[in-house]
């Protein structure tokens, strides 16, 4: 399946596409992802929706006088759940896009971007049982793994992640070692560019050698 094309001027699209690619890459390296954060968020959100729906249905069927007592407690529970959801998103998750384990070591990653700055910021926390947690902050421009047309290129992103995070590099040493030789941003040669280059070469061939190349060959023939 081809990668979706996004606008290279939308920081939210660039970040969200990169966020989606990170767990897929880590799980392919046998990282065991934990879904506790997502499960709690969904449980809080859906519980609030169910309470709102049940309250509306009861009011519609039974009328206000019969349900006003229960509506008070339903509204109170709804606001409590939404407050808990807001705290969970901003106070607990804090932008985390991955949390999992590999070989007994827990790793969590939280991403962020700054307004008007096309840089992907990643906070990585690794914790092994009985040892002090280690925190690493890394960043890179989105142009490193997005081409000029807005297509995500997985290999440069995976190489960057493997070279910057030792735990990922140990799980994927090939990507970690190849990262140093491929730091150029992805480039795409369009069909029109290719035709222009081919046409230039054809024109050059039809017009014959350039004066400078002719003089060079002449100087080589002189004793």
Protein backbone atom coordinates (compact mmCIF):
# COMPACT_ATOMS: atom_id res chain seq x y z
CA UNK A 1 0.00 0.00 0.00
CA UNK A 2 1.42 3.37 -1.09
CA UNK A 3 2.11 5.99 1.55
CA UNK A 4 -0.51 8.78 1.61
CA UNK A 5 0.47 12.17 0.29
CA UNK A 6 0.19 15.06 2.75
CA UNK A 7 0.81 18.78 2.67
CA UNK A 8 4.43 19.59 3.48
CA UNK A 9 3.25 22.90 4.96
CA UNK A 10 1.04 21.28 7.62
CA UNK A 11 2.99 20.58 10.79
CA UNK A 12 0.13 18.58 12.27
CA UNK A 13 -0.01 16.27 9.23
CA UNK A 14 3.76 15.83 9.25
CA UNK A 15 3.75 15.01 12.96
CA UNK A 16 0.74 12.68 12.85
CA UNK A 17 2.11 10.70 9.92
CA UNK A 18 5.46 10.31 11.65
CA UNK A 19 3.74 9.36 14.93
CA UNK A 20 1.82 6.62 13.14
CA UNK A 21 4.99 5.23 11.53
CA UNK A 22 6.99 4.98 14.77
CA UNK A 23 4.99 2.23 16.55
CA UNK A 24 4.80 0.21 13.33
CA UNK A 25 8.58 0.25 13.03
CA UNK A 26 9.23 -0.65 16.68
CA UNK A 27 6.71 -3.50 16.73
CA UNK A 28 8.38 -4.90 13.60
CA UNK A 29 11.57 -5.12 15.71
CA UNK A 30 9.77 -7.29 18.29
CA UNK A 31 9.07 -4.47 20.75
CA UNK A 32 6.00 -5.44 22.78
CA UNK A 33 3.72 -2.41 22.81
CA UNK A 34 1.62 -1.57 25.86
CA UNK A 35 -1.88 -0.23 25.13
CA UNK A 36 -2.74 0.75 28.72
CA UNK A 37 -2.69 4.50 28.02
CA UNK A 38 -4.95 4.15 24.99
CA UNK A 39 -7.30 1.74 26.75
CA UNK A 40 -7.81 4.08 29.72
CA UNK A 41 -8.42 7.03 27.41
CA UNK A 42 -11.00 5.09 25.41
CA UNK A 43 -12.70 3.81 28.58
CA UNK A 44 -13.07 7.33 29.98
CA UNK A 45 -14.27 8.77 26.68
CA UNK A 46 -16.79 6.04 25.91
CA UNK A 47 -18.13 6.05 29.48
CA UNK A 48 -18.93 9.74 29.19
CA UNK A 49 -20.63 9.17 25.84
CA UNK A 50 -22.73 6.29 27.21
CA UNK A 51 -23.88 8.41 30.18
CA UNK A 52 -24.85 11.28 27.88
CA UNK A 53 -26.72 8.95 25.54
CA UNK A 54 -28.55 7.15 28.34
CA UNK A 55 -29.59 10.44 29.92
CA UNK A 56 -30.95 11.75 26.63
CA UNK A 57 -32.87 8.52 25.99
CA UNK A 58 -34.38 8.46 29.49
CA UNK A 59 -35.42 12.09 29.25
CA UNK A 60 -37.00 11.51 25.84
CA UNK A 61 -38.95 8.43 26.98
CA UNK A 62 -39.88 9.30 30.56
CA UNK A 63 -39.90 13.09 30.59
CA UNK A 64 -38.07 15.68 32.65
CA UNK A 65 -40.05 15.31 35.86
CA UNK A 66 -39.34 11.59 36.11
CA UNK A 67 -35.64 11.87 35.31
CA UNK A 68 -34.48 15.21 36.72
CA UNK A 69 -33.03 13.62 39.86
CA UNK A 70 -30.99 11.09 37.86
CA UNK A 71 -30.08 13.71 35.27
CA UNK A 72 -28.32 15.73 37.96
CA UNK A 73 -26.08 12.81 38.88
CA UNK A 74 -25.56 11.86 35.23
CA UNK A 75 -24.41 15.37 34.35
CA UNK A 76 -22.10 15.39 37.37
CA UNK A 77 -20.62 12.02 36.38
CA UNK A 78 -20.23 13.24 32.79
CA UNK A 79 -18.18 16.27 33.84
CA UNK A 80 -16.08 14.19 36.22
CA UNK A 81 -15.26 11.70 33.46
CA UNK A 82 -14.40 14.47 31.01
CA UNK A 83 -12.20 16.13 33.61
CA UNK A 84 -10.46 12.82 34.24
CA UNK A 85 -10.01 12.35 30.48
CA UNK A 86 -8.48 15.80 30.11
CA UNK A 87 -6.08 15.16 32.98
CA UNK A 88 -5.17 11.75 31.55
CA UNK A 89 -4.33 13.20 28.13
CA UNK A 90 -2.33 16.20 29.35
CA UNK A 91 -1.06 15.02 32.72
CA UNK A 92 -0.34 11.31 32.18
CA UNK A 93 0.08 10.64 28.47
CA UNK A 94 1.89 13.94 27.81
CA UNK A 95 2.18 13.31 24.09
CA UNK A 96 3.32 9.70 24.39
CA UNK A 97 3.01 7.82 21.12
CA UNK A 98 4.66 4.56 22.16
CA UNK A 99 5.17 2.61 25.35
CA UNK A 100 6.50 -0.92 25.38
CA UNK A 101 9.20 -3.39 26.35
CA UNK A 102 12.08 -5.28 24.83
CA UNK A 103 14.30 -7.75 26.70
CA UNK A 104 13.09 -6.52 30.09
CA UNK A 105 13.64 -2.83 29.36
CA UNK A 106 10.69 -0.45 29.26
CA UNK A 107 10.78 2.33 26.68
CA UNK A 108 8.40 5.23 26.14
CA UNK A 109 8.45 7.93 23.49
CA UNK A 110 6.66 11.28 23.41
CA UNK A 111 6.66 13.54 20.38
CA UNK A 112 6.12 17.27 19.97
CA UNK A 113 6.56 20.13 17.53
CA UNK A 114 6.99 23.84 18.04
CA UNK A 115 4.83 26.35 16.23
CA UNK A 116 6.24 27.38 12.82
CA UNK A 117 9.27 25.10 13.32
CA UNK A 118 9.36 22.01 11.04
CA UNK A 119 11.36 19.91 13.51
CA UNK A 120 10.27 16.60 14.98
CA UNK A 121 11.11 16.46 18.69
CA UNK A 122 11.18 13.12 20.46
CA UNK A 123 11.61 12.46 24.17
CA UNK A 124 12.77 8.91 24.85
CA UNK A 125 12.75 7.32 28.32
CA UNK A 126 14.33 3.91 28.94
CA UNK A 127 14.02 2.13 32.26
CA UNK A 128 15.45 -1.21 33.24
CA UNK A 129 14.52 -2.99 36.46
CA UNK A 130 16.84 -1.96 39.28
CA UNK A 131 18.49 0.83 37.29
CA UNK A 132 17.99 4.57 37.05
CA UNK A 133 15.75 5.68 34.14
CA UNK A 134 17.55 7.31 31.23
CA UNK A 135 16.02 10.19 29.27
CA UNK A 136 17.08 11.28 25.80
CA UNK A 137 15.84 14.25 23.77
CA UNK A 138 16.43 14.11 20.02
CA UNK A 139 15.13 16.07 17.06
CA UNK A 140 15.41 16.16 13.27
CA UNK A 141 13.81 18.11 10.40
CA UNK A 142 10.81 16.54 8.70
CA UNK A 143 12.59 16.94 5.36
CA UNK A 144 14.81 14.07 6.38
CA UNK A 145 12.05 11.53 5.74
CA UNK A 146 9.47 13.45 3.68
CA UNK A 147 10.14 14.15 0.01
CA UNK A 148 9.21 17.41 -1.69
CA UNK A 149 5.85 15.99 -2.82
CA UNK A 150 4.73 15.14 0.72
CA UNK A 151 5.33 11.40 0.71
CA UNK A 152 6.71 9.71 3.82
CA UNK A 153 9.89 7.68 3.17
CA UNK A 154 10.28 5.06 5.88
CA UNK A 155 13.95 4.12 5.51
CA UNK A 156 15.52 7.53 6.43
CA UNK A 157 13.20 7.81 9.43
CA UNK A 158 14.08 4.32 10.65
CA UNK A 159 17.79 4.99 10.15
CA UNK A 160 17.56 8.21 12.17
CA UNK A 161 15.71 6.51 15.01
CA UNK A 162 18.09 3.53 15.09
CA UNK A 163 21.17 5.77 15.09
CA UNK A 164 19.91 8.10 17.84
CA UNK A 165 18.31 5.60 20.25
CA UNK A 166 20.74 2.88 21.30
CA UNK A 167 17.97 0.47 22.29
CA UNK A 168 16.49 0.68 18.79
CA UNK A 169 19.93 0.50 17.21
CA UNK A 170 20.69 -2.73 19.05
CA UNK A 171 17.47 -4.21 17.71
CA UNK A 172 18.18 -3.01 14.16
CA UNK A 173 21.97 -2.69 13.72
CA UNK A 174 21.78 -2.50 9.92
CA UNK A 175 19.71 0.68 10.00
CA UNK A 176 21.91 2.15 12.73
CA UNK A 177 25.12 1.56 10.77
CA UNK A 178 23.72 2.81 7.47
CA UNK A 179 22.37 6.06 8.93
CA UNK A 180 25.75 7.84 8.79
CA UNK A 181 25.96 7.39 5.02
CA UNK A 182 22.44 8.54 4.17
CA UNK A 183 21.70 11.86 5.85
CA UNK A 184 20.53 13.61 2.69
CA UNK A 185 16.80 14.36 2.57
CA UNK A 186 14.72 12.22 0.20
CA UNK A 187 14.74 13.53 -3.35
CA UNK A 188 12.34 12.76 -6.15
CA UNK A 189 13.23 13.28 -9.82
CA UNK A 190 10.07 14.14 -11.65
CA UNK A 191 9.34 12.98 -15.17
CA UNK A 192 9.71 16.51 -16.55
CA UNK A 193 13.16 16.83 -14.97
CA UNK A 194 14.20 13.56 -16.51
CA UNK A 195 12.96 14.66 -19.93
CA UNK A 196 14.84 17.97 -19.60
CA UNK A 197 18.07 16.16 -18.73
CA UNK A 198 17.61 13.72 -21.63
CA UNK A 199 16.81 16.56 -24.00
CA UNK A 200 19.90 18.51 -22.90
CA UNK A 201 22.09 15.50 -23.50
CA UNK A 202 20.55 15.00 -26.96
CA UNK A 203 21.08 18.66 -27.91
CA UNK A 204 24.68 18.49 -26.71
CA UNK A 205 25.28 15.38 -28.80
CA UNK A 206 23.68 16.91 -31.92
CA UNK A 207 25.73 20.12 -31.70
CA UNK A 208 28.98 18.21 -31.41
CA UNK A 209 31.75 18.63 -28.84
CA UNK A 210 32.10 21.90 -27.03
CA UNK A 211 35.02 24.21 -27.90
CA UNK A 212 36.71 23.49 -24.57
CA UNK A 213 36.65 19.72 -25.13
CA UNK A 214 37.94 20.19 -28.69
CA UNK A 215 40.87 22.27 -27.48
CA UNK A 216 41.58 19.64 -24.80
CA UNK A 217 41.82 16.86 -27.41
CA UNK A 218 43.94 19.05 -29.69
CA UNK A 219 46.41 19.78 -26.90
CA UNK A 220 46.76 16.07 -26.20
CA UNK A 221 47.71 15.38 -29.85
CA UNK A 222 50.48 18.01 -29.89
CA UNK A 223 54.01 16.62 -29.22
